[in-house]
């Protein structure tokens, strides 16, 4: 499986962002790491290995960018308002810099986004904020309410980055054309957050698959089972 490490300079973040790329052709899949995971986490825990066949067949090309979670949601040393502002710069890096480059590189009109655990939040938030750039959302044990990181603080920036708040009033027609999978399991600590998001989508008439697997925990073996199944839907 072809693997390449690049540094992608972001004007919005004013620095290089490390990114691993797997494969040299195929549909672009942007894969986010978990809570404090780095760009190599999904490789190290063999989530990428679980979809080797899709990569080697040239069906998908997987892009694993670094996160800035330690500077945004998980930074305990800054005001909550600054946390979300830092995240907004990361979102702008994705939507205005990285994803347009992936679209040009792969000649794809849209991309797929995916992620396990807190990576599921990133995938969902990006997809729902930018549905004109996303064709498929594959969340694996995601959680979608970031208010617990903010010590009671709330403003409009938080609203527009908290899917369980803004999604109910979102009206971009592209949302109804997106293929959405919310993956979870009976023993998943994020089962209820997925049910809540599924209820919001259902109330809006947005088609999606709420995939509840049996008796597995919130951990890599579950996600390694899910990811190849979801890529087979592309």
Protein backbone atom coordinates (compact mmCIF):
# COMPACT_ATOMS: atom_id res chain seq x y z
CA UNK A 1 0.00 0.00 0.00
CA UNK A 2 1.57 3.26 -1.13
CA UNK A 3 2.16 5.71 1.72
CA UNK A 4 3.41 9.28 1.62
CA UNK A 5 4.03 11.86 4.35
CA UNK A 6 3.63 15.47 3.28
CA UNK A 7 3.53 18.85 4.98
CA UNK A 8 0.65 21.02 3.83
CA UNK A 9 1.15 24.71 4.53
CA UNK A 10 -1.95 26.43 5.89
CA UNK A 11 -2.26 30.20 5.63
CA UNK A 12 -5.14 30.12 8.10
CA UNK A 13 -3.07 28.28 10.70
CA UNK A 14 0.20 29.92 9.64
CA UNK A 15 2.14 26.66 9.71
CA UNK A 16 2.67 23.30 8.09
CA UNK A 17 0.18 20.53 8.85
CA UNK A 18 1.53 16.99 8.64
CA UNK A 19 -0.57 14.56 6.64
CA UNK A 20 -0.26 10.92 5.64
CA UNK A 21 -1.63 9.88 2.26
CA UNK A 22 -2.40 6.27 1.39
CA UNK A 23 -2.78 5.29 -2.24
CA UNK A 24 -2.25 7.28 -5.42
CA UNK A 25 -5.72 7.26 -6.96
CA UNK A 26 -9.36 6.65 -6.13
CA UNK A 27 -12.14 8.48 -4.33
CA UNK A 28 -10.79 10.90 -1.69
CA UNK A 29 -11.52 10.00 1.94
CA UNK A 30 -10.54 12.48 4.65
CA UNK A 31 -9.95 10.49 7.86
CA UNK A 32 -9.69 12.33 11.19
CA UNK A 33 -7.88 11.03 14.32
CA UNK A 34 -9.43 10.59 17.75
CA UNK A 35 -9.32 12.92 20.77
CA UNK A 36 -5.63 13.86 21.00
CA UNK A 37 -4.51 11.64 18.16
CA UNK A 38 -2.00 12.75 15.56
CA UNK A 39 -1.96 12.26 11.81
CA UNK A 40 -0.35 8.81 12.21
CA UNK A 41 -2.84 7.46 14.78
CA UNK A 42 -5.20 5.80 12.29
CA UNK A 43 -2.20 4.06 10.75
CA UNK A 44 -0.70 2.98 14.08
CA UNK A 45 -3.98 1.46 15.28
CA UNK A 46 -4.42 -0.29 11.92
CA UNK A 47 -7.62 1.45 10.88
CA UNK A 48 -6.00 2.21 7.53
CA UNK A 49 -4.74 -1.37 7.31
CA UNK A 50 -8.34 -2.57 7.63
CA UNK A 51 -9.12 -0.95 4.26
CA UNK A 52 -5.88 -1.93 2.50
CA UNK A 53 -7.79 -3.75 -0.25
CA UNK A 54 -9.74 -0.62 -1.23
CA UNK A 55 -6.53 1.42 -1.38
CA UNK A 56 -4.52 -1.16 -3.33
CA UNK A 57 -7.35 -1.59 -5.83
CA UNK A 58 -7.29 2.16 -6.48
CA UNK A 59 -10.84 2.59 -5.23
CA UNK A 60 -10.01 5.12 -2.54
CA UNK A 61 -7.21 7.43 -1.55
CA UNK A 62 -7.06 8.14 2.18
CA UNK A 63 -5.85 11.45 3.61
CA UNK A 64 -5.00 11.61 7.33
CA UNK A 65 -4.35 15.22 8.43
CA UNK A 66 -3.08 16.26 11.81
CA UNK A 67 -5.54 17.78 14.27
CA UNK A 68 -5.15 20.84 16.49
CA UNK A 69 -7.36 19.49 19.29
CA UNK A 70 -4.66 20.23 21.87
CA UNK A 71 -4.90 23.90 20.88
CA UNK A 72 -8.68 24.10 20.64
CA UNK A 73 -11.24 21.89 22.41
CA UNK A 74 -8.73 20.18 24.73
CA UNK A 75 -6.69 23.25 25.65
CA UNK A 76 -7.39 23.93 29.33
CA UNK A 77 -5.23 27.07 29.40
CA UNK A 78 -7.29 29.35 27.18
CA UNK A 79 -10.76 30.87 27.37
CA UNK A 80 -13.55 28.78 25.79
CA UNK A 81 -14.19 31.56 23.26
CA UNK A 82 -10.60 31.14 22.05
CA UNK A 83 -11.00 27.37 21.84
CA UNK A 84 -13.73 27.67 19.28
CA UNK A 85 -11.92 30.45 17.40
CA UNK A 86 -8.90 28.17 17.06
CA UNK A 87 -11.14 25.41 15.80
CA UNK A 88 -12.72 27.77 13.26
CA UNK A 89 -9.25 28.42 11.81
CA UNK A 90 -8.80 24.65 11.48
CA UNK A 91 -12.18 24.41 9.77
CA UNK A 92 -11.14 27.15 7.34
CA UNK A 93 -7.89 25.29 6.66
CA UNK A 94 -9.96 22.25 5.74
CA UNK A 95 -12.70 23.91 3.71
CA UNK A 96 -10.71 26.64 1.96
CA UNK A 97 -7.25 25.08 1.60
CA UNK A 98 -7.05 21.32 1.99
CA UNK A 99 -10.33 20.03 0.55
CA UNK A 100 -10.14 22.15 -2.64
CA UNK A 101 -6.66 20.70 -3.22
CA UNK A 102 -7.99 17.16 -2.72
CA UNK A 103 -10.80 17.85 -5.16
CA UNK A 104 -8.34 19.06 -7.79
CA UNK A 105 -5.86 16.26 -7.13
CA UNK A 106 -8.45 13.49 -7.41
CA UNK A 107 -10.79 15.20 -9.92
CA UNK A 108 -13.64 14.51 -7.49
CA UNK A 109 -16.54 16.94 -7.16
CA UNK A 110 -16.92 16.05 -3.47
CA UNK A 111 -15.06 13.99 -0.87
CA UNK A 112 -15.94 11.49 1.84
CA UNK A 113 -15.17 12.27 5.49
CA UNK A 114 -14.75 9.76 8.29
CA UNK A 115 -13.40 9.42 11.79
CA UNK A 116 -13.61 7.36 14.98
CA UNK A 117 -14.56 8.77 18.38
CA UNK A 118 -13.77 12.52 18.47
CA UNK A 119 -12.77 12.16 14.83
CA UNK A 120 -16.44 11.36 14.28
CA UNK A 121 -17.30 14.80 15.65
CA UNK A 122 -14.83 16.41 13.24
CA UNK A 123 -16.18 14.45 10.30
CA UNK A 124 -19.81 15.23 11.14
CA UNK A 125 -19.25 18.89 11.92
CA UNK A 126 -17.32 19.42 8.71
CA UNK A 127 -19.90 17.54 6.64
CA UNK A 128 -22.88 19.40 8.08
CA UNK A 129 -21.16 22.79 7.81
CA UNK A 130 -19.91 22.18 4.27
CA UNK A 131 -22.34 19.78 2.59
CA UNK A 132 -21.43 21.07 -0.85
CA UNK A 133 -17.95 19.61 -0.36
CA UNK A 134 -18.98 16.25 1.16
CA UNK A 135 -20.70 13.30 -0.48
CA UNK A 136 -20.38 10.72 2.33
CA UNK A 137 -20.12 10.95 6.11
CA UNK A 138 -18.92 7.89 8.02
CA UNK A 139 -18.91 8.54 11.77
CA UNK A 140 -17.65 5.69 13.94
CA UNK A 141 -18.63 6.07 17.61
CA UNK A 142 -18.76 9.83 17.30
CA UNK A 143 -20.15 12.34 19.80
CA UNK A 144 -21.62 15.57 18.56
CA UNK A 145 -22.08 18.00 21.45
CA UNK A 146 -18.98 20.02 22.39
CA UNK A 147 -20.53 22.07 25.21
CA UNK A 148 -18.79 19.93 27.83
CA UNK A 149 -15.46 21.49 26.78
CA UNK A 150 -16.62 25.05 27.40
CA UNK A 151 -17.29 25.45 31.16
CA UNK A 152 -20.76 26.87 30.56
CA UNK A 153 -19.62 29.47 28.03
CA UNK A 154 -21.74 29.80 24.87
CA UNK A 155 -21.75 32.09 21.85
CA UNK A 156 -22.75 32.02 18.18
CA UNK A 157 -19.43 30.46 17.13
CA UNK A 158 -20.09 27.54 19.44
CA UNK A 159 -23.64 27.22 18.12
CA UNK A 160 -22.40 26.90 14.54
CA UNK A 161 -19.85 24.23 15.49
CA UNK A 162 -22.17 22.15 17.64
CA UNK A 163 -24.13 19.87 15.30
CA UNK A 164 -26.86 19.03 17.81
CA UNK A 165 -27.65 22.75 18.00
CA UNK A 166 -27.40 24.08 14.45
CA UNK A 167 -28.44 21.03 12.45
CA UNK A 168 -32.13 21.34 13.32
CA UNK A 169 -32.33 24.68 11.49
CA UNK A 170 -29.86 23.90 8.68
CA UNK A 171 -31.47 24.04 5.26
CA UNK A 172 -28.77 23.53 2.64
CA UNK A 173 -30.32 21.19 0.03
CA UNK A 174 -27.01 19.29 -0.21
CA UNK A 175 -27.68 17.85 3.24
CA UNK A 176 -30.52 15.77 1.81
CA UNK A 177 -28.23 14.33 -0.87
CA UNK A 178 -25.42 13.26 1.45
CA UNK A 179 -24.89 9.60 2.30
CA UNK A 180 -24.66 9.44 6.10
CA UNK A 181 -23.69 6.55 8.36
CA UNK A 182 -23.71 6.87 12.15
CA UNK A 183 -21.85 3.83 13.44
CA UNK A 184 -22.10 2.78 17.07
CA UNK A 185 -22.70 -0.34 19.19
CA UNK A 186 -24.70 -1.62 22.13
CA UNK A 187 -21.77 -1.17 24.53
CA UNK A 188 -20.52 2.08 22.99
CA UNK A 189 -20.19 5.00 25.41
CA UNK A 190 -21.38 7.15 22.50
CA UNK A 191 -24.54 5.17 21.75
CA UNK A 192 -26.87 7.83 23.14
CA UNK A 193 -25.18 10.74 21.31
CA UNK A 194 -25.67 8.81 18.07
CA UNK A 195 -29.32 8.18 18.84
CA UNK A 196 -29.79 11.87 19.55
CA UNK A 197 -28.20 12.91 16.25
CA UNK A 198 -30.18 10.25 14.40
CA UNK A 199 -33.39 11.67 15.87
CA UNK A 200 -32.46 15.16 14.63
CA UNK A 201 -31.75 13.85 11.13
CA UNK A 202 -34.97 11.85 11.09
CA UNK A 203 -37.01 14.87 12.18
CA UNK A 204 -35.63 16.76 9.18
CA UNK A 205 -36.27 13.90 6.80
CA UNK A 206 -32.55 13.45 6.08
CA UNK A 207 -31.91 9.85 5.07
CA UNK A 208 -29.15 8.09 7.00
CA UNK A 209 -28.14 4.71 8.38
CA UNK A 210 -27.96 4.36 12.15
CA UNK A 211 -25.69 1.31 12.37
CA UNK A 212 -25.87 -0.17 15.87
CA UNK A 213 -23.58 -3.18 16.22
CA UNK A 214 -23.95 -5.76 18.96
CA UNK A 215 -21.95 -6.01 22.18
CA UNK A 216 -18.74 -4.24 21.25
CA UNK A 217 -16.95 -1.48 23.10
CA UNK A 218 -15.89 2.01 22.05
CA UNK A 219 -12.52 0.94 20.70
CA UNK A 220 -10.41 0.19 17.64
CA UNK A 221 -11.62 -3.39 16.98
CA UNK A 222 -15.13 -2.01 16.42
CA UNK A 223 -13.91 0.73 14.10
CA UNK A 224 -11.69 -1.66 12.13
CA UNK A 225 -14.82 -3.73 11.51
CA UNK A 226 -16.92 -0.73 10.49
CA UNK A 227 -14.55 1.15 8.21
CA UNK A 228 -14.20 -1.40 5.38
CA UNK A 229 -17.96 -1.96 5.41
CA UNK A 230 -18.60 1.76 5.06
CA UNK A 231 -16.05 2.22 2.27
CA UNK A 232 -17.79 -0.57 0.36
CA UNK A 233 -20.78 1.80 0.15
CA UNK A 234 -18.89 4.38 -1.91
